[in-house]
Amino acid sequence: MTIEADGPDACVVTAGADDPERMVTYFATVGADFEVLEPPEVVAAVASAADRLRRAASRP
């Protein structure tokens, strides 16, 4: 994993994993806002996880 500064309040993290879902789990537990720039598989995994969590949070 590498971390590079990207302005005063941001950084770019380059990381890898065997499975896009593992990347989602890792970044979701950091406790900070994040944006996935690439690859498309991880972007899709984040969207899928967000949908599942949104549904779970809306259930009574």
PDB file of N, CA and C in Angstrom:
ATOM      1  N   MET A   1       0.849  -1.159   0.000  1.00  0.00           N
ATOM      2  CA  MET A   1       0.000   0.000   0.000  1.00  0.00           C
ATOM      3  C   MET A   1       0.905   1.236   0.000  1.00  0.00           C
ATOM      4  N   THR A   2       0.489   2.237  -0.779  1.00  0.00           N
ATOM      5  CA  THR A   2       1.188   3.516  -0.759  1.00  0.00           C
ATOM      6  C   THR A   2       0.174   4.616  -0.474  1.00  0.00           C
ATOM      7  N   ILE A   3       0.642   5.659   0.197  1.00  0.00           N
ATOM      8  CA  ILE A   3      -0.187   6.816   0.516  1.00  0.00           C
ATOM      9  C   ILE A   3       0.556   8.050   0.060  1.00  0.00           C
ATOM     10  N   GLU A   4      -0.080   8.848  -0.784  1.00  0.00           N
ATOM     11  CA  GLU A   4       0.524  10.067  -1.310  1.00  0.00           C
ATOM     12  C   GLU A   4      -0.367  11.255  -0.994  1.00  0.00           C
ATOM     13  N   ALA A   5       0.233  12.353  -0.545  1.00  0.00           N
ATOM     14  CA  ALA A   5      -0.519  13.573  -0.282  1.00  0.00           C
ATOM     15  C   ALA A   5      -1.168  14.063  -1.566  1.00  0.00           C
ATOM     16  N   ASP A   6      -2.386  14.614  -1.422  1.00  0.00           N
ATOM     17  CA  ASP A   6      -3.114  15.178  -2.558  1.00  0.00           C
ATOM     18  C   ASP A   6      -3.792  16.465  -2.081  1.00  0.00           C
ATOM     19  N   GLY A   7      -2.981  17.404  -1.669  1.00  0.00           N
ATOM     20  CA  GLY A   7      -3.484  18.645  -1.108  1.00  0.00           C
ATOM     21  C   GLY A   7      -3.436  18.608   0.405  1.00  0.00           C
ATOM     22  N   PRO A   8      -3.893  19.701   1.045  1.00  0.00           N
ATOM     23  CA  PRO A   8      -3.779  19.799   2.502  1.00  0.00           C
ATOM     24  C   PRO A   8      -4.713  18.877   3.274  1.00  0.00           C
ATOM     25  N   ASP A   9      -5.820  18.455   2.666  1.00  0.00           N
ATOM     26  CA  ASP A   9      -6.815  17.663   3.391  1.00  0.00           C
ATOM     27  C   ASP A   9      -7.159  16.345   2.720  1.00  0.00           C
ATOM     28  N   ALA A  10      -6.284  15.844   1.866  1.00  0.00           N
ATOM     29  CA  ALA A  10      -6.606  14.615   1.142  1.00  0.00           C
ATOM     30  C   ALA A  10      -5.341  13.829   0.833  1.00  0.00           C
ATOM     31  N   CYS A  11      -5.530  12.559   0.533  1.00  0.00           N
ATOM     32  CA  CYS A  11      -4.424  11.720   0.096  1.00  0.00           C
ATOM     33  C   CYS A  11      -4.966  10.696  -0.892  1.00  0.00           C
ATOM     34  N   VAL A  12      -4.063  10.109  -1.632  1.00  0.00           N
ATOM     35  CA  VAL A  12      -4.408   9.038  -2.558  1.00  0.00           C
ATOM     36  C   VAL A  12      -3.752   7.769  -2.031  1.00  0.00           C
ATOM     37  N   VAL A  13      -4.574   6.769  -1.786  1.00  0.00           N
ATOM     38  CA  VAL A  13      -4.090   5.483  -1.296  1.00  0.00           C
ATOM     39  C   VAL A  13      -4.148   4.504  -2.458  1.00  0.00           C
ATOM     40  N   THR A  14      -3.047   3.849  -2.727  1.00  0.00           N
ATOM     41  CA  THR A  14      -2.997   2.797  -3.726  1.00  0.00           C
ATOM     42  C   THR A  14      -2.833   1.481  -2.979  1.00  0.00           C
ATOM     43  N   ALA A  15      -3.818   0.596  -3.146  1.00  0.00           N
ATOM     44  CA  ALA A  15      -3.807  -0.662  -2.402  1.00  0.00           C
ATOM     45  C   ALA A  15      -4.354  -1.759  -3.295  1.00  0.00           C
ATOM     46  N   GLY A  16      -4.191  -2.973  -2.870  1.00  0.00           N
ATOM     47  CA  GLY A  16      -4.695  -4.099  -3.635  1.00  0.00           C
ATOM     48  C   GLY A  16      -5.205  -5.191  -2.716  1.00  0.00           C
ATOM     49  N   ALA A  17      -6.030  -6.052  -3.278  1.00  0.00           N
ATOM     50  CA  ALA A  17      -6.565  -7.200  -2.539  1.00  0.00           C
ATOM     51  C   ALA A  17      -6.977  -8.254  -3.555  1.00  0.00           C
ATOM     52  N   ASP A  18      -7.192  -9.458  -3.067  1.00  0.00           N
ATOM     53  CA  ASP A  18      -7.609 -10.555  -3.936  1.00  0.00           C
ATOM     54  C   ASP A  18      -9.056 -10.428  -4.382  1.00  0.00           C
ATOM     55  N   ASP A  19      -9.849  -9.642  -3.645  1.00  0.00           N
ATOM     56  CA  ASP A  19     -11.279  -9.567  -3.884  1.00  0.00           C
ATOM     57  C   ASP A  19     -11.757  -8.132  -3.666  1.00  0.00           C
ATOM     58  N   PRO A  20     -12.540  -7.562  -4.577  1.00  0.00           N
ATOM     59  CA  PRO A  20     -13.024  -6.193  -4.406  1.00  0.00           C
ATOM     60  C   PRO A  20     -13.801  -5.988  -3.105  1.00  0.00           C
ATOM     61  N   GLU A  21     -14.554  -6.995  -2.668  1.00  0.00           N
ATOM     62  CA  GLU A  21     -15.306  -6.874  -1.416  1.00  0.00           C
ATOM     63  C   GLU A  21     -14.379  -6.670  -0.223  1.00  0.00           C
ATOM     64  N   ARG A  22     -13.203  -7.252  -0.268  1.00  0.00           N
ATOM     65  CA  ARG A  22     -12.240  -7.050   0.820  1.00  0.00           C
ATOM     66  C   ARG A  22     -11.760  -5.610   0.866  1.00  0.00           C
ATOM     67  N   MET A  23     -11.600  -5.007  -0.299  1.00  0.00           N
ATOM     68  CA  MET A  23     -11.206  -3.594  -0.346  1.00  0.00           C
ATOM     69  C   MET A  23     -12.291  -2.734   0.293  1.00  0.00           C
ATOM     70  N   VAL A  24     -13.548  -3.046  -0.015  1.00  0.00           N
ATOM     71  CA  VAL A  24     -14.665  -2.295   0.553  1.00  0.00           C
ATOM     72  C   VAL A  24     -14.647  -2.403   2.070  1.00  0.00           C
ATOM     73  N   THR A  25     -14.494  -3.611   2.563  1.00  0.00           N
ATOM     74  CA  THR A  25     -14.471  -3.828   4.013  1.00  0.00           C
ATOM     75  C   THR A  25     -13.352  -3.035   4.664  1.00  0.00           C
ATOM     76  N   TYR A  26     -12.187  -3.076   4.082  1.00  0.00           N
ATOM     77  CA  TYR A  26     -11.039  -2.359   4.646  1.00  0.00           C
ATOM     78  C   TYR A  26     -11.305  -0.853   4.703  1.00  0.00           C
ATOM     79  N   PHE A  27     -11.672  -0.272   3.582  1.00  0.00           N
ATOM     80  CA  PHE A  27     -11.844   1.176   3.549  1.00  0.00           C
ATOM     81  C   PHE A  27     -13.053   1.636   4.360  1.00  0.00           C
ATOM     82  N   ALA A  28     -14.097   0.831   4.417  1.00  0.00           N
ATOM     83  CA  ALA A  28     -15.281   1.208   5.184  1.00  0.00           C
ATOM     84  C   ALA A  28     -15.006   1.251   6.681  1.00  0.00           C
ATOM     85  N   THR A  29     -14.029   0.501   7.144  1.00  0.00           N
ATOM     86  CA  THR A  29     -13.744   0.460   8.581  1.00  0.00           C
ATOM     87  C   THR A  29     -12.710   1.486   9.019  1.00  0.00           C
ATOM     88  N   VAL A  30     -12.180   2.263   8.106  1.00  0.00           N
ATOM     89  CA  VAL A  30     -11.165   3.262   8.458  1.00  0.00           C
ATOM     90  C   VAL A  30     -11.776   4.420   9.233  1.00  0.00           C
ATOM     91  N   GLY A  31     -13.037   4.716   9.000  1.00  0.00           N
ATOM     92  CA  GLY A  31     -13.687   5.799   9.723  1.00  0.00           C
ATOM     93  C   GLY A  31     -13.492   7.164   9.088  1.00  0.00           C
ATOM     94  N   ALA A  32     -13.237   7.198   7.805  1.00  0.00           N
ATOM     95  CA  ALA A  32     -13.058   8.464   7.083  1.00  0.00           C
ATOM     96  C   ALA A  32     -13.787   8.373   5.751  1.00  0.00           C
ATOM     97  N   ASP A  33     -14.221   9.532   5.257  1.00  0.00           N
ATOM     98  CA  ASP A  33     -14.829   9.551   3.929  1.00  0.00           C
ATOM     99  C   ASP A  33     -13.788   9.155   2.897  1.00  0.00           C
ATOM    100  N   PHE A  34     -14.244   8.506   1.838  1.00  0.00           N
ATOM    101  CA  PHE A  34     -13.316   8.115   0.778  1.00  0.00           C
ATOM    102  C   PHE A  34     -14.046   8.064  -0.552  1.00  0.00           C
ATOM    103  N   GLU A  35     -13.287   8.112  -1.612  1.00  0.00           N
ATOM    104  CA  GLU A  35     -13.795   7.991  -2.975  1.00  0.00           C
ATOM    105  C   GLU A  35     -12.928   6.967  -3.687  1.00  0.00           C
ATOM    106  N   VAL A  36     -13.560   6.026  -4.352  1.00  0.00           N
ATOM    107  CA  VAL A  36     -12.812   5.029  -5.110  1.00  0.00           C
ATOM    108  C   VAL A  36     -12.628   5.567  -6.531  1.00  0.00           C
ATOM    109  N   LEU A  37     -11.392   5.704  -6.944  1.00  0.00           N
ATOM    110  CA  LEU A  37     -11.086   6.220  -8.273  1.00  0.00           C
ATOM    111  C   LEU A  37     -11.062   5.116  -9.320  1.00  0.00           C
ATOM    112  N   GLU A  38     -10.564   3.960  -8.944  1.00  0.00           N
ATOM    113  CA  GLU A  38     -10.478   2.815  -9.844  1.00  0.00           C
ATOM    114  C   GLU A  38     -10.049   1.599  -9.045  1.00  0.00           C
ATOM    115  N   PRO A  39     -10.184   0.426  -9.515  1.00  0.00           N
ATOM    116  CA  PRO A  39     -10.749  -0.046 -10.776  1.00  0.00           C
ATOM    117  C   PRO A  39     -12.277  -0.128 -10.689  1.00  0.00           C
ATOM    118  N   PRO A  40     -12.930  -0.298 -11.820  1.00  0.00           N
ATOM    119  CA  PRO A  40     -14.390  -0.359 -11.851  1.00  0.00           C
ATOM    120  C   PRO A  40     -14.976  -1.457 -10.957  1.00  0.00           C
ATOM    121  N   GLU A  41     -14.254  -2.549 -10.781  1.00  0.00           N
ATOM    122  CA  GLU A  41     -14.751  -3.644  -9.940  1.00  0.00           C
ATOM    123  C   GLU A  41     -14.899  -3.200  -8.486  1.00  0.00           C
ATOM    124  N   VAL A  42     -13.972  -2.377  -8.010  1.00  0.00           N
ATOM    125  CA  VAL A  42     -14.058  -1.903  -6.628  1.00  0.00           C
ATOM    126  C   VAL A  42     -15.141  -0.827  -6.517  1.00  0.00           C
ATOM    127  N   VAL A  43     -15.265   0.026  -7.527  1.00  0.00           N
ATOM    128  CA  VAL A  43     -16.342   1.017  -7.546  1.00  0.00           C
ATOM    129  C   VAL A  43     -17.690   0.301  -7.444  1.00  0.00           C
ATOM    130  N   ALA A  44     -17.883  -0.758  -8.217  1.00  0.00           N
ATOM    131  CA  ALA A  44     -19.129  -1.523  -8.196  1.00  0.00           C
ATOM    132  C   ALA A  44     -19.338  -2.211  -6.847  1.00  0.00           C
ATOM    133  N   ALA A  45     -18.280  -2.723  -6.254  1.00  0.00           N
ATOM    134  CA  ALA A  45     -18.389  -3.382  -4.952  1.00  0.00           C
ATOM    135  C   ALA A  45     -18.795  -2.386  -3.871  1.00  0.00           C
ATOM    136  N   VAL A  46     -18.274  -1.167  -3.934  1.00  0.00           N
ATOM    137  CA  VAL A  46     -18.667  -0.126  -2.971  1.00  0.00           C
ATOM    138  C   VAL A  46     -20.146   0.210  -3.146  1.00  0.00           C
ATOM    139  N   ALA A  47     -20.594   0.367  -4.378  1.00  0.00           N
ATOM    140  CA  ALA A  47     -22.001   0.684  -4.631  1.00  0.00           C
ATOM    141  C   ALA A  47     -22.910  -0.427  -4.121  1.00  0.00           C
ATOM    142  N   SER A  48     -22.519  -1.657  -4.347  1.00  0.00           N
ATOM    143  CA  SER A  48     -23.317  -2.799  -3.892  1.00  0.00           C
ATOM    144  C   SER A  48     -23.393  -2.846  -2.365  1.00  0.00           C
ATOM    145  N   ALA A  49     -22.272  -2.649  -1.709  1.00  0.00           N
ATOM    146  CA  ALA A  49     -22.240  -2.652  -0.242  1.00  0.00           C
ATOM    147  C   ALA A  49     -23.064  -1.488   0.308  1.00  0.00           C
ATOM    148  N   ALA A  50     -22.965  -0.324  -0.332  1.00  0.00           N
ATOM    149  CA  ALA A  50     -23.736   0.841   0.111  1.00  0.00           C
ATOM    150  C   ALA A  50     -25.228   0.565   0.016  1.00  0.00           C
ATOM    151  N   ASP A  51     -25.654  -0.070  -1.066  1.00  0.00           N
ATOM    152  CA  ASP A  51     -27.061  -0.417  -1.221  1.00  0.00           C
ATOM    153  C   ASP A  51     -27.516  -1.366  -0.124  1.00  0.00           C
ATOM    154  N   ARG A  52     -26.719  -2.396   0.164  1.00  0.00           N
ATOM    155  CA  ARG A  52     -27.073  -3.358   1.219  1.00  0.00           C
ATOM    156  C   ARG A  52     -27.167  -2.673   2.567  1.00  0.00           C
ATOM    157  N   LEU A  53     -26.210  -1.812   2.875  1.00  0.00           N
ATOM    158  CA  LEU A  53     -26.211  -1.112   4.166  1.00  0.00           C
ATOM    159  C   LEU A  53     -27.383  -0.139   4.261  1.00  0.00           C
ATOM    160  N   ARG A  54     -27.692   0.546   3.165  1.00  0.00           N
ATOM    161  CA  ARG A  54     -28.831   1.470   3.145  1.00  0.00           C
ATOM    162  C   ARG A  54     -30.131   0.716   3.415  1.00  0.00           C
ATOM    163  N   ARG A  55     -30.296  -0.453   2.784  1.00  0.00           N
ATOM    164  CA  ARG A  55     -31.501  -1.262   3.011  1.00  0.00           C
ATOM    165  C   ARG A  55     -31.554  -1.725   4.467  1.00  0.00           C
ATOM    166  N   ALA A  56     -30.437  -2.152   5.008  1.00  0.00           N
ATOM    167  CA  ALA A  56     -30.398  -2.626   6.386  1.00  0.00           C
ATOM    168  C   ALA A  56     -30.743  -1.503   7.370  1.00  0.00           C
ATOM    169  N   ALA A  57     -30.286  -0.305   7.075  1.00  0.00           N
ATOM    170  CA  ALA A  57     -30.531   0.825   7.970  1.00  0.00           C
ATOM    171  C   ALA A  57     -31.981   1.305   7.905  1.00  0.00           C
ATOM    172  N   SER A  58     -32.676   1.016   6.822  1.00  0.00           N
ATOM    173  CA  SER A  58     -34.050   1.511   6.671  1.00  0.00           C
ATOM    174  C   SER A  58     -35.094   0.529   7.197  1.00  0.00           C
ATOM    175  N   ARG A  59     -34.670  -0.626   7.616  1.00  0.00           N
ATOM    176  CA  ARG A  59     -35.627  -1.609   8.138  1.00  0.00           C
ATOM    177  C   ARG A  59     -35.981  -1.260   9.581  1.00  0.00           C
ATOM    178  N   PRO A  60     -37.263  -1.441   9.918  1.00  0.00           N
ATOM    179  CA  PRO A  60     -37.680  -1.131  11.298  1.00  0.00           C
ATOM    180  C   PRO A  60     -37.128  -2.111  12.315  1.00  0.00           C
TER     181      PRO A  60
END
